[in-house]
Amino acid sequence: MRTQVAIIGSGPSGLLLGQLLAEAGIDTVILDRAGKDYILGRVRAGVLEEGTVGLLDKANAGARMHAEGLQHDGFSLAFDGRDHRIDLFGLTGGKRVMVYGQTEVTHDLMACRESIGALSIYDAANVQPHDFDGQAPFVTYEKDGVAHRIDCDFIAGCDGFHGASRKAVPERSLRTFEKVYPFGWLGILAEVAPVSHELIYANHPRGFALCSMRSAHRSRYYIQCSLDEKIENWSDARFWDEVRRRLPAHHAEAMFVAPSFEKSIAPLRSFVAEPMRFGRLFLAGDAAHIVPPTGAKGLNLAASDVHYLFSGLVEHYKESSSAGLDAYSQKALARVWKAVRFSWWMTTMLHRFPDTGDFDQRIQEAELDYLTHSRAASTVLAENYVGLPF
């Protein structure tokens, strides 16, 4: 089999890249080691920057998002028992974010790909990129016990942190940066109306809490927890009691509760791999970088990678120019590191660390107070939250 671009990974970045390339008349094949149902069952982020929304529209995959997604003009920082609203729309000259679950984005992109008859291969075992340092790269995989090969011009590694793409790069060619945070997030999903129509990020002596949603009837809540916590020790009743303790009283009293249908603990870390291009192999999304979810940047960074890679591939095929592909890693990493910084800043500002002393606590409180009372500081937060330009 031959294609122009072989895409490893059928998450949002791989699917978005495939759909954009299809709209531009460029042939792709997508491979994933997992099955379709498993991919659609993964619960992930749900805050989309305007740039991500625009890319989904460009891929003709945004109709249901606009019909069912929730546009948010702001969010609240809760501390000292009160809400302090960040007016995203007013501070950024009219920009917003869209609350729409990553699972729904994946579903929409899969449906678009199926509607045009583009090839996706699921349950592909032992997917491996080869010869990407030369002029004739190819990808091998096994399906139902049979070995297959796909020849291509380029390989896009969109297969996540644990995927084969980054692992195929020689260690001497790769530099990695990592920060592991000493806590995690315990999160639940419940079919219940959210406590607020906008997100609430709460700083509390007992730890961080986040009140989010996937729709007007489905809520997503998180609380900071230690890394040695066990899911089985957290009943729904215990979780609801704890999240209430970390919110201002008026939110705690207004909160509706319901049985959870998903409960998990996620560790927090920052990770960046440099560069993001190796000959004819390009890394995108979680294959190249991970950020803590505090700043809502994971899916959005994957989308900005796709923007730069798609632009470079179109320039290569339509204009016979390699300039865009040559600049891919530098452009993508410049935006990645700004988002990594923002996510680190939000995380350190809102969480309680094990070694936080009285001095550190006062610094954190002073920063939050300054941030919410200075228009200049609030603007910095708002413009990063809605997403820096591509």
Protein backbone atom coordinates (compact mmCIF):
# COMPACT_ATOMS: atom_id res chain seq x y z
CA MET A 1 0.00 0.00 0.00
CA ARG A 2 1.14 3.55 -0.66
CA THR A 3 -0.08 6.90 0.63
CA GLN A 4 1.29 10.42 0.78
CA VAL A 5 1.14 10.84 4.57
CA ALA A 6 0.98 7.92 7.02
CA ILE A 7 -0.51 9.08 10.32
CA ILE A 8 0.17 6.97 13.40
CA GLY A 9 -2.53 7.57 16.01
CA SER A 10 -6.28 8.08 15.76
CA GLY A 11 -6.70 10.56 18.57
CA PRO A 12 -7.77 14.16 17.94
CA SER A 13 -4.41 15.28 16.50
CA GLY A 14 -4.14 12.41 14.02
CA LEU A 15 -7.78 12.64 12.99
CA LEU A 16 -7.68 16.43 12.66
CA LEU A 17 -4.53 16.31 10.54
CA GLY A 18 -6.05 13.59 8.37
CA GLN A 19 -9.25 15.52 7.82
CA LEU A 20 -7.50 18.79 7.00
CA LEU A 21 -5.22 17.01 4.53
CA ALA A 22 -8.20 15.26 2.95
CA GLU A 23 -9.93 18.61 2.46
CA ALA A 24 -6.73 19.78 0.69
CA GLY A 25 -6.69 16.73 -1.58
CA ILE A 26 -3.74 15.01 0.11
CA ASP A 27 -4.02 11.25 0.66
CA THR A 28 -3.54 9.75 4.14
CA VAL A 29 -3.84 6.48 6.00
CA ILE A 30 -4.38 6.50 9.77
CA LEU A 31 -3.25 3.58 11.94
CA ASP A 32 -3.98 2.97 15.59
CA ARG A 33 -3.05 0.11 17.88
CA ALA A 34 -6.34 0.49 19.76
CA GLY A 35 -9.88 -0.26 18.66
CA LYS A 36 -12.38 2.40 17.68
CA ASP A 37 -14.67 1.75 20.67
CA TYR A 38 -11.76 2.03 23.10
CA ILE A 39 -10.67 5.35 21.59
CA LEU A 40 -14.19 6.75 21.81
CA GLY A 41 -14.45 5.61 25.42
CA ARG A 42 -11.50 7.69 26.63
CA VAL A 43 -12.49 10.68 28.76
CA ARG A 44 -10.29 13.72 28.23
CA ALA A 45 -10.26 17.53 28.19
CA GLY A 46 -13.12 19.74 27.18
CA VAL A 47 -12.03 23.40 26.81
CA LEU A 48 -11.26 24.44 23.23
CA GLU A 49 -9.43 27.61 22.25
CA GLU A 50 -10.73 29.70 19.36
CA GLY A 51 -7.86 28.48 17.20
CA THR A 52 -8.89 24.86 17.77
CA VAL A 53 -12.51 25.71 16.99
CA GLY A 54 -11.37 27.36 13.77
CA LEU A 55 -9.36 24.29 12.73
CA LEU A 56 -12.36 22.02 13.32
CA ASP A 57 -14.44 24.33 11.16
CA LYS A 58 -11.75 24.28 8.47
CA ALA A 59 -11.91 20.48 8.56
CA ASN A 60 -15.72 20.66 8.14
CA ALA A 61 -16.06 18.89 11.50
CA GLY A 62 -17.50 21.69 13.62
CA ALA A 63 -21.27 21.53 13.05
CA ARG A 64 -22.22 19.51 16.14
CA MET A 65 -19.70 21.41 18.26
CA HIS A 66 -21.43 24.69 17.43
CA ALA A 67 -24.86 23.15 18.06
CA GLU A 68 -24.07 21.44 21.36
CA GLY A 69 -20.91 23.10 22.72
CA LEU A 70 -21.01 25.80 25.38
CA GLN A 71 -19.34 29.13 24.67
CA HIS A 72 -17.75 30.62 27.77
CA ASP A 73 -16.88 34.30 28.13
CA GLY A 74 -15.07 33.88 31.44
CA PHE A 75 -14.28 31.71 34.44
CA SER A 76 -13.89 32.14 38.19
CA LEU A 77 -10.88 31.95 40.47
CA ALA A 78 -12.18 31.06 43.92
CA PHE A 79 -10.08 31.81 46.99
CA ASP A 80 -10.56 33.46 50.39
CA GLY A 81 -14.14 32.15 50.28
CA ARG A 82 -15.14 34.30 47.29
CA ASP A 83 -15.36 34.19 43.50
CA HIS A 84 -13.16 36.44 41.38
CA ARG A 85 -14.35 36.34 37.77
CA ILE A 86 -11.89 36.59 34.88
CA ASP A 87 -13.70 38.28 31.99
CA LEU A 88 -12.10 36.52 29.01
CA PHE A 89 -14.30 38.25 26.46
CA GLY A 90 -13.75 41.74 27.81
CA LEU A 91 -10.04 41.38 28.51
CA THR A 92 -9.13 39.88 25.11
CA GLY A 93 -11.20 42.01 22.77
CA GLY A 94 -13.99 39.52 22.23
CA LYS A 95 -12.37 36.07 22.44
CA ARG A 96 -14.01 33.06 24.06
CA VAL A 97 -13.43 29.39 24.74
CA MET A 98 -15.72 26.51 23.79
CA VAL A 99 -16.58 23.76 26.27
CA TYR A 100 -16.92 20.58 24.21
CA GLY A 101 -15.50 17.23 25.25
CA GLN A 102 -12.49 15.69 23.54
CA THR A 103 -14.48 12.47 23.13
CA GLU A 104 -17.05 14.41 21.10
CA VAL A 105 -14.31 16.00 18.98
CA THR A 106 -12.92 12.54 18.27
CA HIS A 107 -16.37 11.21 17.40
CA ASP A 108 -17.02 14.09 14.98
CA LEU A 109 -13.67 13.69 13.25
CA MET A 110 -14.10 9.94 12.92
CA ALA A 111 -17.54 10.44 11.39
CA CYS A 112 -16.15 12.96 8.90
CA ARG A 113 -13.36 10.60 7.88
CA GLU A 114 -15.77 7.72 7.39
CA SER A 115 -18.10 9.91 5.34
CA ILE A 116 -15.39 10.60 2.75
CA GLY A 117 -14.19 7.00 2.67
CA ALA A 118 -10.67 7.75 3.96
CA LEU A 119 -8.84 4.74 5.35
CA SER A 120 -8.34 4.23 9.08
CA ILE A 121 -6.89 0.96 10.36
CA TYR A 122 -7.73 0.11 13.97
CA ASP A 123 -6.36 -2.72 16.15
CA ALA A 124 -3.10 -2.48 14.24
CA ALA A 125 -0.42 -4.35 16.19
CA ASN A 126 3.30 -3.58 16.27
CA VAL A 127 3.05 -0.31 14.34
CA GLN A 128 6.56 0.91 13.54
CA PRO A 129 7.94 3.80 11.45
CA HIS A 130 11.02 3.02 9.34
CA ASP A 131 13.68 4.81 7.25
CA PHE A 132 12.33 8.27 8.10
CA ASP A 133 15.88 9.62 7.94
CA GLY A 134 15.97 8.93 4.19
CA GLN A 135 13.81 9.67 1.16
CA ALA A 136 11.54 6.61 1.29
CA PRO A 137 9.96 6.16 4.72
CA PHE A 138 7.45 3.42 5.44
CA VAL A 139 5.33 2.05 8.27
CA THR A 140 4.84 -1.60 9.14
CA TYR A 141 2.07 -3.16 11.22
CA GLU A 142 0.27 -6.43 11.81
CA LYS A 143 -3.45 -7.00 11.43
CA ASP A 144 -5.13 -10.31 12.22
CA GLY A 145 -1.72 -11.95 12.30
CA VAL A 146 -0.72 -10.70 8.84
CA ALA A 147 2.21 -8.31 8.31
CA HIS A 148 1.60 -5.15 6.25
CA ARG A 149 3.66 -2.24 4.91
CA ILE A 150 2.63 1.27 3.96
CA ASP A 151 5.07 3.31 1.84
CA CYS A 152 4.69 7.06 2.13
CA ASP A 153 6.29 10.46 1.67
CA PHE A 154 6.00 11.51 5.32
CA ILE A 155 5.05 10.02 8.68
CA ALA A 156 3.08 11.97 11.30
CA GLY A 157 3.57 10.56 14.80
CA CYS A 158 0.32 11.43 16.60
CA ASP A 159 0.28 8.35 18.80
CA GLY A 160 0.62 9.85 22.26
CA PHE A 161 3.21 9.75 25.01
CA HIS A 162 3.52 5.94 25.02
CA GLY A 163 3.35 5.50 21.24
CA ALA A 164 5.90 4.03 18.85
CA SER A 165 6.80 7.23 16.99
CA ARG A 166 8.97 9.01 19.55
CA LYS A 167 10.43 5.67 20.70
CA ALA A 168 11.67 5.06 17.14
CA VAL A 169 13.90 8.15 17.32
CA PRO A 170 17.52 7.41 18.36
CA GLU A 171 18.18 8.67 21.89
CA ARG A 172 21.14 10.74 20.73
CA SER A 173 18.81 12.75 18.47
CA LEU A 174 16.29 13.59 21.18
CA ARG A 175 16.38 15.88 24.18
CA THR A 176 13.62 15.66 26.77
CA PHE A 177 12.53 17.94 29.61
CA GLU A 178 10.25 16.77 32.41
CA LYS A 179 8.72 17.97 35.66
CA VAL A 180 6.65 15.61 37.79
CA TYR A 181 4.27 17.23 40.27
CA PRO A 182 3.90 15.72 43.76
CA PHE A 183 0.11 15.29 43.53
CA GLY A 184 -2.64 14.19 41.20
CA TRP A 185 -6.23 14.97 40.31
CA LEU A 186 -9.09 12.78 41.47
CA GLY A 187 -11.89 13.35 38.97
CA ILE A 188 -15.48 12.24 38.46
CA LEU A 189 -18.10 12.55 35.75
CA ALA A 190 -21.76 12.69 36.73
CA GLU A 191 -25.05 13.27 34.95
CA VAL A 192 -25.91 16.38 36.90
CA ALA A 193 -26.17 20.09 36.12
CA PRO A 194 -22.93 21.99 36.84
CA VAL A 195 -22.78 24.17 39.93
CA SER A 196 -21.96 27.22 37.79
CA HIS A 197 -22.42 28.14 34.13
CA GLU A 198 -18.67 28.85 33.95
CA LEU A 199 -15.64 26.94 35.23
CA ILE A 200 -14.46 27.49 38.79
CA TYR A 201 -10.77 27.06 39.70
CA ALA A 202 -10.54 26.92 43.50
CA ASN A 203 -7.51 27.48 45.72
CA HIS A 204 -8.19 26.21 49.24
CA PRO A 205 -6.12 25.19 52.28
CA ARG A 206 -7.31 21.60 51.72
CA GLY A 207 -6.08 21.69 48.11
CA PHE A 208 -7.13 22.65 44.61
CA ALA A 209 -10.58 21.93 43.15
CA LEU A 210 -12.05 22.43 39.67
CA CYS A 211 -15.72 22.59 38.78
CA SER A 212 -16.16 21.95 35.08
CA MET A 213 -18.72 20.46 32.73
CA ARG A 214 -19.16 18.59 29.47
CA SER A 215 -22.68 19.87 28.82
CA ALA A 216 -25.54 21.62 30.59
CA HIS A 217 -26.44 18.27 32.15
CA ARG A 218 -23.07 16.56 32.61
CA SER A 219 -20.53 17.78 35.18
CA ARG A 220 -16.81 17.13 35.55
CA TYR A 221 -15.26 17.76 38.98
CA TYR A 222 -11.69 17.40 40.20
CA ILE A 223 -9.91 17.67 43.52
CA GLN A 224 -6.20 17.68 44.22
CA CYS A 225 -5.11 14.46 45.92
CA SER A 226 -1.91 12.71 46.98
CA LEU A 227 -0.31 10.29 44.54
CA ASP A 228 -0.86 7.34 46.88
CA GLU A 229 -4.64 7.75 47.00
CA LYS A 230 -6.73 4.75 45.93
CA ILE A 231 -9.94 5.06 43.93
CA GLU A 232 -11.65 2.42 46.04
CA ASN A 233 -11.24 4.65 49.10
CA TRP A 234 -13.32 7.40 47.53
CA SER A 235 -17.05 6.84 47.58
CA ASP A 236 -19.21 9.32 45.72
CA ALA A 237 -20.43 10.71 49.05
CA ARG A 238 -16.87 11.30 50.25
CA PHE A 239 -15.94 13.03 46.98
CA TRP A 240 -18.96 15.35 46.99
CA ASP A 241 -18.32 16.29 50.63
CA GLU A 242 -14.68 17.09 49.86
CA VAL A 243 -15.29 19.19 46.78
CA ARG A 244 -17.90 21.20 48.72
CA ARG A 245 -15.35 21.96 51.44
CA ARG A 246 -13.02 23.54 48.88
CA LEU A 247 -15.60 25.89 47.33
CA PRO A 248 -17.10 29.20 48.48
CA ALA A 249 -20.18 28.57 50.65
CA HIS A 250 -22.72 29.76 48.06
CA HIS A 251 -21.45 27.22 45.54
CA ALA A 252 -21.29 24.40 48.08
CA GLU A 253 -24.89 25.04 49.11
CA ALA A 254 -26.12 25.19 45.49
CA MET A 255 -24.32 22.06 44.27
CA PHE A 256 -26.40 19.18 42.94
CA VAL A 257 -25.00 15.69 43.43
CA ALA A 258 -25.53 12.43 41.56
CA PRO A 259 -23.84 9.04 41.22
CA SER A 260 -20.63 9.19 39.21
CA PHE A 261 -20.26 7.06 36.08
CA GLU A 262 -16.49 7.61 35.73
CA LYS A 263 -13.90 8.10 38.44
CA SER A 264 -10.13 8.23 38.03
CA ILE A 265 -6.89 9.59 39.45
CA ALA A 266 -4.45 11.27 37.06
CA PRO A 267 -0.87 12.25 37.94
CA LEU A 268 0.32 15.67 36.78
CA ARG A 269 3.49 16.25 34.81
CA SER A 270 5.09 18.48 32.20
CA PHE A 271 7.10 16.87 29.40
CA VAL A 272 8.64 18.22 26.19
CA ALA A 273 10.68 16.41 23.56
CA GLU A 274 12.92 18.38 21.22
CA PRO A 275 13.04 18.61 18.28
CA MET A 276 9.67 17.58 16.81
CA ARG A 277 11.00 16.65 13.38
CA PHE A 278 13.36 13.82 12.47
CA GLY A 279 13.85 13.70 8.72
CA ARG A 280 10.45 12.71 7.34
CA LEU A 281 8.95 11.88 10.74
CA PHE A 282 7.05 14.62 12.56
CA LEU A 283 5.82 14.37 16.15
CA ALA A 284 2.59 16.08 17.13
CA GLY A 285 0.45 16.29 20.26
CA ASP A 286 1.17 14.09 23.27
CA ALA A 287 3.88 12.25 21.35
CA ALA A 288 5.97 15.41 21.77
CA HIS A 289 4.64 17.12 24.89
CA ILE A 290 2.46 16.74 27.98
CA VAL A 291 1.12 19.54 30.19
CA PRO A 292 -0.82 19.38 33.45
CA PRO A 293 -4.53 19.96 32.76
CA THR A 294 -4.70 23.09 34.92
CA GLY A 295 -4.39 25.44 31.95
CA ALA A 296 -6.59 23.40 29.56
CA LYS A 297 -3.79 23.26 26.98
CA GLY A 298 -3.24 19.59 26.09
CA LEU A 299 -5.73 19.17 23.24
CA ASN A 300 -5.21 22.76 22.12
CA LEU A 301 -1.45 22.30 21.82
CA ALA A 302 -2.06 19.20 19.72
CA ALA A 303 -4.28 21.31 17.45
CA SER A 304 -1.64 24.02 17.05
CA ASP A 305 0.95 21.36 16.13
CA VAL A 306 -1.48 20.12 13.49
CA HIS A 307 -1.91 23.66 12.17
CA TYR A 308 1.84 24.06 11.59
CA LEU A 309 2.29 20.55 10.17
CA PHE A 310 -0.73 20.80 7.88
CA SER A 311 0.43 24.17 6.57
CA GLY A 312 3.90 22.78 5.86
CA LEU A 313 2.56 19.70 4.07
CA VAL A 314 0.21 21.75 1.89
CA GLU A 315 3.08 24.08 1.00
CA HIS A 316 5.19 21.03 0.08
CA TYR A 317 2.57 19.45 -2.17
CA LYS A 318 0.98 22.57 -3.67
CA GLU A 319 4.01 24.87 -3.97
CA SER A 320 6.95 22.42 -4.02
CA SER A 321 8.44 24.31 -1.06
CA SER A 322 9.97 22.76 2.05
CA ALA A 323 10.02 26.00 4.03
CA GLY A 324 6.98 25.20 6.18
CA LEU A 325 8.15 21.70 7.04
CA ASP A 326 11.66 22.96 7.77
CA ALA A 327 10.21 25.49 10.21
CA TYR A 328 7.71 23.09 11.82
CA SER A 329 9.66 22.09 14.91
CA GLN A 330 10.82 25.61 15.74
CA LYS A 331 7.36 27.16 15.33
CA ALA A 332 5.58 24.41 17.20
CA LEU A 333 8.03 24.39 20.11
CA ALA A 334 7.89 28.16 20.51
CA ARG A 335 4.16 27.88 21.18
CA VAL A 336 4.54 24.66 23.19
CA TRP A 337 6.92 26.23 25.69
CA LYS A 338 4.65 29.23 26.22
CA ALA A 339 1.78 26.85 27.00
CA VAL A 340 4.02 24.74 29.24
CA ARG A 341 4.95 27.89 31.15
CA PHE A 342 1.31 28.91 31.48
CA SER A 343 0.24 25.46 32.69
CA TRP A 344 3.11 25.38 35.21
CA TRP A 345 2.17 28.85 36.45
CA MET A 346 -1.51 27.96 36.88
CA THR A 347 -0.56 24.73 38.64
CA THR A 348 1.86 26.34 41.09
CA MET A 349 -0.54 29.19 41.81
CA LEU A 350 -3.59 27.05 42.56
CA HIS A 351 -2.29 23.90 44.27
CA ARG A 352 -0.92 23.24 47.73
CA PHE A 353 2.49 21.59 47.60
CA PRO A 354 3.75 19.21 50.31
CA ASP A 355 6.62 21.55 51.20
CA THR A 356 4.55 24.75 51.15
CA GLY A 357 5.37 26.78 54.24
CA ASP A 358 3.86 29.94 55.69
CA PHE A 359 5.99 32.18 53.47
CA ASP A 360 5.05 30.28 50.30
CA GLN A 361 1.40 30.40 51.32
CA ARG A 362 1.45 34.17 51.70
CA ILE A 363 3.19 34.57 48.32
CA GLN A 364 0.51 32.46 46.66
CA GLU A 365 -2.26 34.48 48.28
CA ALA A 366 -0.60 37.75 47.28
CA GLU A 367 -0.26 36.57 43.68
CA LEU A 368 -3.92 35.60 43.46
CA ASP A 369 -4.98 38.91 44.99
CA TYR A 370 -2.81 40.89 42.56
CA LEU A 371 -3.92 38.81 39.61
CA THR A 372 -7.60 39.43 40.23
CA HIS A 373 -7.30 43.14 41.09
CA SER A 374 -4.92 44.25 38.35
CA ARG A 375 -6.41 44.55 34.88
CA ALA A 376 -2.98 44.12 33.33
CA ALA A 377 -2.35 40.89 35.25
CA SER A 378 -5.85 39.60 34.50
CA THR A 379 -5.29 40.33 30.81
CA VAL A 380 -2.12 38.21 30.78
CA LEU A 381 -4.10 35.33 32.28
CA ALA A 382 -7.01 35.80 29.89
CA GLU A 383 -4.98 36.00 26.67
CA ASN A 384 -3.08 32.83 27.59
CA TYR A 385 -6.25 31.00 28.58
CA VAL A 386 -8.13 31.74 25.34
CA GLY A 387 -5.00 30.75 23.42
CA LEU A 388 -2.04 32.59 21.94
CA PRO A 389 -2.14 33.06 18.15
CA PHE A 390 -0.68 30.38 15.88
